[in-house]
Amino acid sequence: MTDAQFEEKFLALVEPLATAAWCRRMLDAIWHVESAPSVTALTQALVLVRPPSTREIP
């Protein structure tokens, strides 16, 4: 899999769940993981918190 294919697949899977900006930040973090001060920073960044739904569940 090429880098471009990886990014395409990542975006196809994640963009429906997150903003485009968040996806781009994650790709940047993934591509530069070797320069991260710790793995903790990356794992914390990967957590996607969405506000609770306001829709009533029947």
PDB file of N, CA and C in Angstrom:
ATOM      1  N   MET A   1       0.855  -1.172   0.000  1.00  0.00           N
ATOM      2  CA  MET A   1       0.000   0.000   0.000  1.00  0.00           C
ATOM      3  C   MET A   1       0.903   1.237   0.000  1.00  0.00           C
ATOM      4  N   THR A   2       0.625   2.146  -0.887  1.00  0.00           N
ATOM      5  CA  THR A   2       1.413   3.373  -0.942  1.00  0.00           C
ATOM      6  C   THR A   2       0.933   4.354   0.130  1.00  0.00           C
ATOM      7  N   ASP A   3       1.727   5.377   0.366  1.00  0.00           N
ATOM      8  CA  ASP A   3       1.320   6.423   1.320  1.00  0.00           C
ATOM      9  C   ASP A   3       0.009   7.057   0.890  1.00  0.00           C
ATOM     10  N   ALA A   4      -0.132   7.331  -0.388  1.00  0.00           N
ATOM     11  CA  ALA A   4      -1.362   7.949  -0.896  1.00  0.00           C
ATOM     12  C   ALA A   4      -2.565   7.030  -0.693  1.00  0.00           C
ATOM     13  N   GLN A   5      -2.385   5.741  -0.919  1.00  0.00           N
ATOM     14  CA  GLN A   5      -3.473   4.787  -0.697  1.00  0.00           C
ATOM     15  C   GLN A   5      -3.842   4.713   0.785  1.00  0.00           C
ATOM     16  N   PHE A   6      -2.818   4.740   1.648  1.00  0.00           N
ATOM     17  CA  PHE A   6      -3.070   4.727   3.086  1.00  0.00           C
ATOM     18  C   PHE A   6      -3.909   5.939   3.484  1.00  0.00           C
ATOM     19  N   GLU A   7      -3.502   7.119   3.028  1.00  0.00           N
ATOM     20  CA  GLU A   7      -4.240   8.339   3.371  1.00  0.00           C
ATOM     21  C   GLU A   7      -5.657   8.287   2.822  1.00  0.00           C
ATOM     22  N   GLU A   8      -5.829   7.816   1.603  1.00  0.00           N
ATOM     23  CA  GLU A   8      -7.155   7.719   1.000  1.00  0.00           C
ATOM     24  C   GLU A   8      -8.061   6.800   1.821  1.00  0.00           C
ATOM     25  N   LYS A   9      -7.526   5.650   2.205  1.00  0.00           N
ATOM     26  CA  LYS A   9      -8.316   4.692   2.994  1.00  0.00           C
ATOM     27  C   LYS A   9      -8.631   5.260   4.376  1.00  0.00           C
ATOM     28  N   PHE A  10      -7.643   5.871   5.031  1.00  0.00           N
ATOM     29  CA  PHE A  10      -7.848   6.484   6.346  1.00  0.00           C
ATOM     30  C   PHE A  10      -8.953   7.526   6.275  1.00  0.00           C
ATOM     31  N   LEU A  11      -8.866   8.423   5.301  1.00  0.00           N
ATOM     32  CA  LEU A  11      -9.867   9.482   5.173  1.00  0.00           C
ATOM     33  C   LEU A  11     -11.249   8.915   4.864  1.00  0.00           C
ATOM     34  N   ALA A  12     -11.321   7.898   4.033  1.00  0.00           N
ATOM     35  CA  ALA A  12     -12.617   7.294   3.707  1.00  0.00           C
ATOM     36  C   ALA A  12     -13.273   6.686   4.939  1.00  0.00           C
ATOM     37  N   LEU A  13     -12.471   6.108   5.818  1.00  0.00           N
ATOM     38  CA  LEU A  13     -13.018   5.471   7.017  1.00  0.00           C
ATOM     39  C   LEU A  13     -13.330   6.461   8.131  1.00  0.00           C
ATOM     40  N   VAL A  14     -12.531   7.517   8.258  1.00  0.00           N
ATOM     41  CA  VAL A  14     -12.630   8.393   9.422  1.00  0.00           C
ATOM     42  C   VAL A  14     -13.417   9.678   9.164  1.00  0.00           C
ATOM     43  N   GLU A  15     -13.377  10.219   7.949  1.00  0.00           N
ATOM     44  CA  GLU A  15     -14.053  11.491   7.703  1.00  0.00           C
ATOM     45  C   GLU A  15     -15.545  11.485   8.035  1.00  0.00           C
ATOM     46  N   PRO A  16     -16.263  10.361   7.859  1.00  0.00           N
ATOM     47  CA  PRO A  16     -17.674  10.387   8.262  1.00  0.00           C
ATOM     48  C   PRO A  16     -17.867  10.565   9.780  1.00  0.00           C
ATOM     49  N   LEU A  17     -16.818  10.311  10.552  1.00  0.00           N
ATOM     50  CA  LEU A  17     -16.917  10.377  12.006  1.00  0.00           C
ATOM     51  C   LEU A  17     -16.286  11.624  12.613  1.00  0.00           C
ATOM     52  N   ALA A  18     -15.492  12.326  11.842  1.00  0.00           N
ATOM     53  CA  ALA A  18     -14.731  13.451  12.389  1.00  0.00           C
ATOM     54  C   ALA A  18     -14.650  14.575  11.361  1.00  0.00           C
ATOM     55  N   THR A  19     -14.113  15.689  11.796  1.00  0.00           N
ATOM     56  CA  THR A  19     -13.940  16.808  10.876  1.00  0.00           C
ATOM     57  C   THR A  19     -12.722  16.562   9.990  1.00  0.00           C
ATOM     58  N   ALA A  20     -12.708  17.216   8.858  1.00  0.00           N
ATOM     59  CA  ALA A  20     -11.568  17.094   7.950  1.00  0.00           C
ATOM     60  C   ALA A  20     -10.292  17.589   8.623  1.00  0.00           C
ATOM     61  N   ALA A  21     -10.408  18.645   9.414  1.00  0.00           N
ATOM     62  CA  ALA A  21      -9.234  19.185  10.115  1.00  0.00           C
ATOM     63  C   ALA A  21      -8.677  18.159  11.098  1.00  0.00           C
ATOM     64  N   TRP A  22      -9.530  17.471  11.841  1.00  0.00           N
ATOM     65  CA  TRP A  22      -9.084  16.448  12.790  1.00  0.00           C
ATOM     66  C   TRP A  22      -8.369  15.324  12.032  1.00  0.00           C
ATOM     67  N   CYS A  23      -8.954  14.916  10.902  1.00  0.00           N
ATOM     68  CA  CYS A  23      -8.342  13.851  10.107  1.00  0.00           C
ATOM     69  C   CYS A  23      -6.952  14.245   9.644  1.00  0.00           C
ATOM     70  N   ARG A  24      -6.799  15.474   9.192  1.00  0.00           N
ATOM     71  CA  ARG A  24      -5.491  15.943   8.732  1.00  0.00           C
ATOM     72  C   ARG A  24      -4.481  15.991   9.876  1.00  0.00           C
ATOM     73  N   ARG A  25      -4.927  16.436  11.071  1.00  0.00           N
ATOM     74  CA  ARG A  25      -4.030  16.456  12.242  1.00  0.00           C
ATOM     75  C   ARG A  25      -3.580  15.040  12.580  1.00  0.00           C
ATOM     76  N   MET A  26      -4.492  14.081  12.492  1.00  0.00           N
ATOM     77  CA  MET A  26      -4.140  12.697  12.804  1.00  0.00           C
ATOM     78  C   MET A  26      -3.159  12.143  11.786  1.00  0.00           C
ATOM     79  N   LEU A  27      -3.383  12.412  10.517  1.00  0.00           N
ATOM     80  CA  LEU A  27      -2.435  11.955   9.503  1.00  0.00           C
ATOM     81  C   LEU A  27      -1.057  12.548   9.748  1.00  0.00           C
ATOM     82  N   ASP A  28      -1.013  13.820  10.088  1.00  0.00           N
ATOM     83  CA  ASP A  28       0.270  14.457  10.385  1.00  0.00           C
ATOM     84  C   ASP A  28       0.932  13.793  11.587  1.00  0.00           C
ATOM     85  N   ALA A  29       0.158  13.508  12.616  1.00  0.00           N
ATOM     86  CA  ALA A  29       0.710  12.858  13.808  1.00  0.00           C
ATOM     87  C   ALA A  29       1.225  11.455  13.480  1.00  0.00           C
ATOM     88  N   ILE A  30       0.488  10.746  12.653  1.00  0.00           N
ATOM     89  CA  ILE A  30       0.901   9.391  12.271  1.00  0.00           C
ATOM     90  C   ILE A  30       2.196   9.430  11.465  1.00  0.00           C
ATOM     91  N   TRP A  31       2.268  10.336  10.493  1.00  0.00           N
ATOM     92  CA  TRP A  31       3.463  10.410   9.651  1.00  0.00           C
ATOM     93  C   TRP A  31       4.687  10.880  10.418  1.00  0.00           C
ATOM     94  N   HIS A  32       4.491  11.559  11.542  1.00  0.00           N
ATOM     95  CA  HIS A  32       5.627  12.073  12.314  1.00  0.00           C
ATOM     96  C   HIS A  32       5.741  11.423  13.692  1.00  0.00           C
ATOM     97  N   VAL A  33       5.214  10.229  13.830  1.00  0.00           N
ATOM     98  CA  VAL A  33       5.204   9.557  15.126  1.00  0.00           C
ATOM     99  C   VAL A  33       6.621   9.342  15.663  1.00  0.00           C
ATOM    100  N   GLU A  34       7.588   9.138  14.796  1.00  0.00           N
ATOM    101  CA  GLU A  34       8.958   8.895  15.269  1.00  0.00           C
ATOM    102  C   GLU A  34       9.555  10.111  15.959  1.00  0.00           C
ATOM    103  N   SER A  35       9.026  11.294  15.703  1.00  0.00           N
ATOM    104  CA  SER A  35       9.557  12.498  16.360  1.00  0.00           C
ATOM    105  C   SER A  35       8.701  12.940  17.552  1.00  0.00           C
ATOM    106  N   ALA A  36       7.648  12.183  17.864  1.00  0.00           N
ATOM    107  CA  ALA A  36       6.788  12.521  19.001  1.00  0.00           C
ATOM    108  C   ALA A  36       7.555  12.290  20.306  1.00  0.00           C
ATOM    109  N   PRO A  37       7.312  13.147  21.307  1.00  0.00           N
ATOM    110  CA  PRO A  37       8.022  12.985  22.580  1.00  0.00           C
ATOM    111  C   PRO A  37       7.638  11.692  23.296  1.00  0.00           C
ATOM    112  N   SER A  38       6.412  11.215  23.052  1.00  0.00           N
ATOM    113  CA  SER A  38       5.979   9.953  23.646  1.00  0.00           C
ATOM    114  C   SER A  38       4.788   9.410  22.875  1.00  0.00           C
ATOM    115  N   VAL A  39       4.545   8.135  23.021  1.00  0.00           N
ATOM    116  CA  VAL A  39       3.393   7.515  22.380  1.00  0.00           C
ATOM    117  C   VAL A  39       2.095   8.029  23.004  1.00  0.00           C
ATOM    118  N   THR A  40       2.162   8.433  24.256  1.00  0.00           N
ATOM    119  CA  THR A  40       0.977   8.936  24.951  1.00  0.00           C
ATOM    120  C   THR A  40       0.349  10.100  24.212  1.00  0.00           C
ATOM    121  N   ALA A  41       1.169  11.001  23.696  1.00  0.00           N
ATOM    122  CA  ALA A  41       0.639  12.151  22.964  1.00  0.00           C
ATOM    123  C   ALA A  41      -0.167  11.701  21.751  1.00  0.00           C
ATOM    124  N   LEU A  42       0.313  10.696  21.041  1.00  0.00           N
ATOM    125  CA  LEU A  42      -0.401  10.203  19.872  1.00  0.00           C
ATOM    126  C   LEU A  42      -1.688   9.488  20.273  1.00  0.00           C
ATOM    127  N   THR A  43      -1.625   8.631  21.267  1.00  0.00           N
ATOM    128  CA  THR A  43      -2.825   7.897  21.656  1.00  0.00           C
ATOM    129  C   THR A  43      -3.899   8.828  22.196  1.00  0.00           C
ATOM    130  N   GLN A  44      -3.508   9.865  22.907  1.00  0.00           N
ATOM    131  CA  GLN A  44      -4.492  10.839  23.392  1.00  0.00           C
ATOM    132  C   GLN A  44      -5.094  11.615  22.229  1.00  0.00           C
ATOM    133  N   ALA A  45      -4.293  11.926  21.243  1.00  0.00           N
ATOM    134  CA  ALA A  45      -4.784  12.670  20.087  1.00  0.00           C
ATOM    135  C   ALA A  45      -5.765  11.839  19.265  1.00  0.00           C
ATOM    136  N   LEU A  46      -5.629  10.533  19.296  1.00  0.00           N
ATOM    137  CA  LEU A  46      -6.508   9.665  18.517  1.00  0.00           C
ATOM    138  C   LEU A  46      -7.912   9.544  19.095  1.00  0.00           C
ATOM    139  N   VAL A  47      -8.089   9.926  20.337  1.00  0.00           N
ATOM    140  CA  VAL A  47      -9.405   9.831  20.964  1.00  0.00           C
ATOM    141  C   VAL A  47     -10.315  10.881  20.342  1.00  0.00           C
ATOM    142  N   LEU A  48     -11.419  10.410  19.812  1.00  0.00           N
ATOM    143  CA  LEU A  48     -12.389  11.293  19.181  1.00  0.00           C
ATOM    144  C   LEU A  48     -13.597  11.377  20.102  1.00  0.00           C
ATOM    145  N   VAL A  49     -13.812  12.544  20.663  1.00  0.00           N
ATOM    146  CA  VAL A  49     -14.931  12.735  21.579  1.00  0.00           C
ATOM    147  C   VAL A  49     -16.023  13.478  20.848  1.00  0.00           C
ATOM    148  N   ARG A  50     -17.177  12.879  20.800  1.00  0.00           N
ATOM    149  CA  ARG A  50     -18.323  13.516  20.149  1.00  0.00           C
ATOM    150  C   ARG A  50     -19.328  13.884  21.232  1.00  0.00           C
ATOM    151  N   PRO A  51     -20.013  15.007  21.062  1.00  0.00           N
ATOM    152  CA  PRO A  51     -21.010  15.389  22.050  1.00  0.00           C
ATOM    153  C   PRO A  51     -22.133  14.364  22.070  1.00  0.00           C
ATOM    154  N   PRO A  52     -22.772  14.196  23.212  1.00  0.00           N
ATOM    155  CA  PRO A  52     -23.877  13.240  23.278  1.00  0.00           C
ATOM    156  C   PRO A  52     -24.990  13.656  22.322  1.00  0.00           C
ATOM    157  N   SER A  53     -25.646  12.680  21.798  1.00  0.00           N
ATOM    158  CA  SER A  53     -26.738  12.933  20.863  1.00  0.00           C
ATOM    159  C   SER A  53     -27.911  13.584  21.596  1.00  0.00           C
ATOM    160  N   THR A  54     -28.542  14.521  20.930  1.00  0.00           N
ATOM    161  CA  THR A  54     -29.726  15.166  21.523  1.00  0.00           C
ATOM    162  C   THR A  54     -30.994  14.450  21.065  1.00  0.00           C
ATOM    163  N   ARG A  55     -30.820  13.458  20.232  1.00  0.00           N
ATOM    164  CA  ARG A  55     -31.968  12.703  19.726  1.00  0.00           C
ATOM    165  C   ARG A  55     -32.471  11.744  20.794  1.00  0.00           C
ATOM    166  N   GLU A  56     -33.753  11.695  20.947  1.00  0.00           N
ATOM    167  CA  GLU A  56     -34.367  10.769  21.900  1.00  0.00           C
ATOM    168  C   GLU A  56     -34.308   9.355  21.337  1.00  0.00           C
ATOM    169  N   ILE A  57     -33.999   8.418  22.185  1.00  0.00           N
ATOM    170  CA  ILE A  57     -34.019   7.007  21.786  1.00  0.00           C
ATOM    171  C   ILE A  57     -35.352   6.424  22.231  1.00  0.00           C
ATOM    172  N   PRO A  58     -36.105   5.880  21.282  1.00  0.00           N
ATOM    173  CA  PRO A  58     -37.437   5.321  21.639  1.00  0.00           C
ATOM    174  C   PRO A  58     -37.343   4.121  22.547  1.00  0.00           C
TER     175      PRO A  58
END
